[in-house]
Amino acid sequence: MTQPSVGSTRHNAPMNELSQAAGDRRLERAIVLTLLSGEGERRWSYGELAAELRIQGELLQTVLGRLSEAGLVCFAAGEAWASPAARAIDELGLIGI
């Protein structure tokens, strides 16, 4: 039986890729929760959101793109907001911290 090499998992993915994926998931959750926070349907500018989350603008746009493709976030003209689907799920109490 072959042992996995140092720095890899049983699935043969390097540890830094797994760490990156976990970090991306945490960032995705932080963005969605931030956009859902507060009253009403607040729109956040990219600058406000990047400052709030302490991340670079390029990374923010990449993650917003993924969240938009998943139907959780809307963004246009330099602003981002929670999608109606994300708000409905939140109102049903299915999103917990």
C-alpha atoms as a PDB file:
ATOM      1  CA  MET A   1       0.000   0.000   0.000  1.00  0.00           C
ATOM      2  CA  THR A   2       1.392   3.401  -0.963  1.00  0.00           C
ATOM      3  CA  GLN A   3       1.449   6.124   1.654  1.00  0.00           C
ATOM      4  CA  PRO A   4       0.374   9.631   0.656  1.00  0.00           C
ATOM      5  CA  SER A   5       3.244  12.038   0.286  1.00  0.00           C
ATOM      6  CA  VAL A   6       3.740  14.870   2.742  1.00  0.00           C
ATOM      7  CA  GLY A   7       1.586  17.838   1.811  1.00  0.00           C
ATOM      8  CA  SER A   8      -1.139  15.853   0.067  1.00  0.00           C
ATOM      9  CA  THR A   9      -4.375  14.159   1.054  1.00  0.00           C
ATOM     10  CA  ARG A  10      -5.913  10.829   0.200  1.00  0.00           C
ATOM     11  CA  HIS A  11      -7.502  12.555  -2.750  1.00  0.00           C
ATOM     12  CA  ASN A  12      -4.105  13.687  -3.994  1.00  0.00           C
ATOM     13  CA  ALA A  13      -4.855  17.407  -3.624  1.00  0.00           C
ATOM     14  CA  PRO A  14      -2.020  19.554  -2.266  1.00  0.00           C
ATOM     15  CA  MET A  15      -2.656  20.925   1.217  1.00  0.00           C
ATOM     16  CA  ASN A  16      -2.319  24.547   0.090  1.00  0.00           C
ATOM     17  CA  GLU A  17      -5.170  24.023  -2.416  1.00  0.00           C
ATOM     18  CA  LEU A  18      -7.376  22.635   0.361  1.00  0.00           C
ATOM     19  CA  SER A  19      -6.464  25.562   2.602  1.00  0.00           C
ATOM     20  CA  GLN A  20      -7.275  27.985  -0.215  1.00  0.00           C
ATOM     21  CA  ALA A  21     -10.665  26.331  -0.786  1.00  0.00           C
ATOM     22  CA  ALA A  22     -11.497  26.581   2.924  1.00  0.00           C
ATOM     23  CA  GLY A  23     -10.459  30.245   2.924  1.00  0.00           C
ATOM     24  CA  ASP A  24     -12.601  30.928  -0.138  1.00  0.00           C
ATOM     25  CA  ARG A  25     -15.626  29.328   1.561  1.00  0.00           C
ATOM     26  CA  ARG A  26     -15.115  31.467   4.674  1.00  0.00           C
ATOM     27  CA  LEU A  27     -14.858  34.568   2.499  1.00  0.00           C
ATOM     28  CA  GLU A  28     -17.997  33.617   0.563  1.00  0.00           C
ATOM     29  CA  ARG A  29     -19.909  33.196   3.842  1.00  0.00           C
ATOM     30  CA  ALA A  30     -18.563  36.502   5.169  1.00  0.00           C
ATOM     31  CA  ILE A  31     -19.669  38.352   2.027  1.00  0.00           C
ATOM     32  CA  VAL A  32     -23.177  36.872   2.049  1.00  0.00           C
ATOM     33  CA  LEU A  33     -23.631  37.542   5.776  1.00  0.00           C
ATOM     34  CA  THR A  34     -22.360  41.095   5.382  1.00  0.00           C
ATOM     35  CA  LEU A  35     -24.740  41.762   2.494  1.00  0.00           C
ATOM     36  CA  LEU A  36     -27.635  40.335   4.521  1.00  0.00           C
ATOM     37  CA  SER A  37     -26.785  42.361   7.620  1.00  0.00           C
ATOM     38  CA  GLY A  38     -28.792  45.411   8.566  1.00  0.00           C
ATOM     39  CA  GLU A  39     -32.231  46.469   7.531  1.00  0.00           C
ATOM     40  CA  GLY A  40     -33.583  46.608   4.015  1.00  0.00           C
ATOM     41  CA  GLU A  41     -31.755  45.847   0.835  1.00  0.00           C
ATOM     42  CA  ARG A  42     -28.612  47.869   1.352  1.00  0.00           C
ATOM     43  CA  ARG A  43     -26.249  48.075  -1.580  1.00  0.00           C
ATOM     44  CA  TRP A  44     -22.565  48.093  -0.723  1.00  0.00           C
ATOM     45  CA  SER A  45     -19.967  49.713  -2.934  1.00  0.00           C
ATOM     46  CA  TYR A  46     -17.029  47.468  -3.768  1.00  0.00           C
ATOM     47  CA  GLY A  47     -14.804  49.803  -1.747  1.00  0.00           C
ATOM     48  CA  GLU A  48     -17.041  49.625   1.337  1.00  0.00           C
ATOM     49  CA  LEU A  49     -17.299  45.860   1.143  1.00  0.00           C
ATOM     50  CA  ALA A  50     -13.556  45.390   0.586  1.00  0.00           C
ATOM     51  CA  ALA A  51     -12.793  47.674   3.539  1.00  0.00           C
ATOM     52  CA  GLU A  52     -15.346  45.954   5.785  1.00  0.00           C
ATOM     53  CA  LEU A  53     -13.930  42.525   5.002  1.00  0.00           C
ATOM     54  CA  ARG A  54     -10.306  43.724   4.740  1.00  0.00           C
ATOM     55  CA  ILE A  55      -9.674  42.123   1.368  1.00  0.00           C
ATOM     56  CA  GLN A  56      -8.263  43.203  -1.994  1.00  0.00           C
ATOM     57  CA  GLY A  57     -10.647  44.463  -4.678  1.00  0.00           C
ATOM     58  CA  GLU A  58      -9.596  41.826  -7.241  1.00  0.00           C
ATOM     59  CA  LEU A  59     -10.322  38.982  -4.829  1.00  0.00           C
ATOM     60  CA  LEU A  60     -13.660  40.564  -3.930  1.00  0.00           C
ATOM     61  CA  GLN A  61     -14.714  40.755  -7.574  1.00  0.00           C
ATOM     62  CA  THR A  62     -13.699  37.130  -8.183  1.00  0.00           C
ATOM     63  CA  VAL A  63     -15.687  35.858  -5.211  1.00  0.00           C
ATOM     64  CA  LEU A  64     -18.680  38.101  -6.030  1.00  0.00           C
ATOM     65  CA  GLY A  65     -18.690  36.582  -9.513  1.00  0.00           C
ATOM     66  CA  ARG A  66     -18.893  33.052  -8.082  1.00  0.00           C
ATOM     67  CA  LEU A  67     -21.636  34.059  -5.654  1.00  0.00           C
ATOM     68  CA  SER A  68     -23.555  35.740  -8.461  1.00  0.00           C
ATOM     69  CA  GLU A  69     -23.334  32.588 -10.599  1.00  0.00           C
ATOM     70  CA  ALA A  70     -24.758  30.662  -7.625  1.00  0.00           C
ATOM     71  CA  GLY A  71     -27.666  33.124  -7.385  1.00  0.00           C
ATOM     72  CA  LEU A  72     -26.728  34.494  -3.954  1.00  0.00           C
ATOM     73  CA  VAL A  73     -25.451  37.955  -4.833  1.00  0.00           C
ATOM     74  CA  CYS A  74     -26.281  40.652  -7.354  1.00  0.00           C
ATOM     75  CA  PHE A  75     -23.755  43.253  -8.453  1.00  0.00           C
ATOM     76  CA  ALA A  76     -23.652  46.062 -10.969  1.00  0.00           C
ATOM     77  CA  ALA A  77     -22.159  49.523 -11.375  1.00  0.00           C
ATOM     78  CA  GLY A  78     -19.632  48.982  -8.591  1.00  0.00           C
ATOM     79  CA  GLU A  79     -22.212  47.867  -6.011  1.00  0.00           C
ATOM     80  CA  ALA A  80     -23.180  44.505  -4.528  1.00  0.00           C
ATOM     81  CA  TRP A  81     -26.280  43.349  -2.668  1.00  0.00           C
ATOM     82  CA  ALA A  82     -27.885  40.118  -1.493  1.00  0.00           C
ATOM     83  CA  SER A  83     -30.091  38.459  -4.101  1.00  0.00           C
ATOM     84  CA  PRO A  84     -33.818  37.998  -3.492  1.00  0.00           C
ATOM     85  CA  ALA A  85     -33.155  34.239  -3.127  1.00  0.00           C
ATOM     86  CA  ALA A  86     -30.544  34.818  -0.403  1.00  0.00           C
ATOM     87  CA  ARG A  87     -32.926  37.190   1.414  1.00  0.00           C
ATOM     88  CA  ALA A  88     -35.773  34.653   1.207  1.00  0.00           C
ATOM     89  CA  ILE A  89     -33.566  31.884   2.616  1.00  0.00           C
ATOM     90  CA  ASP A  90     -32.454  34.241   5.391  1.00  0.00           C
ATOM     91  CA  GLU A  91     -36.068  35.160   6.217  1.00  0.00           C
ATOM     92  CA  LEU A  92     -36.933  31.457   6.483  1.00  0.00           C
ATOM     93  CA  GLY A  93     -34.255  31.175   9.163  1.00  0.00           C
ATOM     94  CA  LEU A  94     -32.164  28.737   7.157  1.00  0.00           C
ATOM     95  CA  ILE A  95     -29.014  30.834   7.403  1.00  0.00           C
ATOM     96  CA  GLY A  96     -27.490  30.640  10.862  1.00  0.00           C
ATOM     97  CA  ILE A  97     -24.335  32.011  12.344  1.00  0.00           C
END
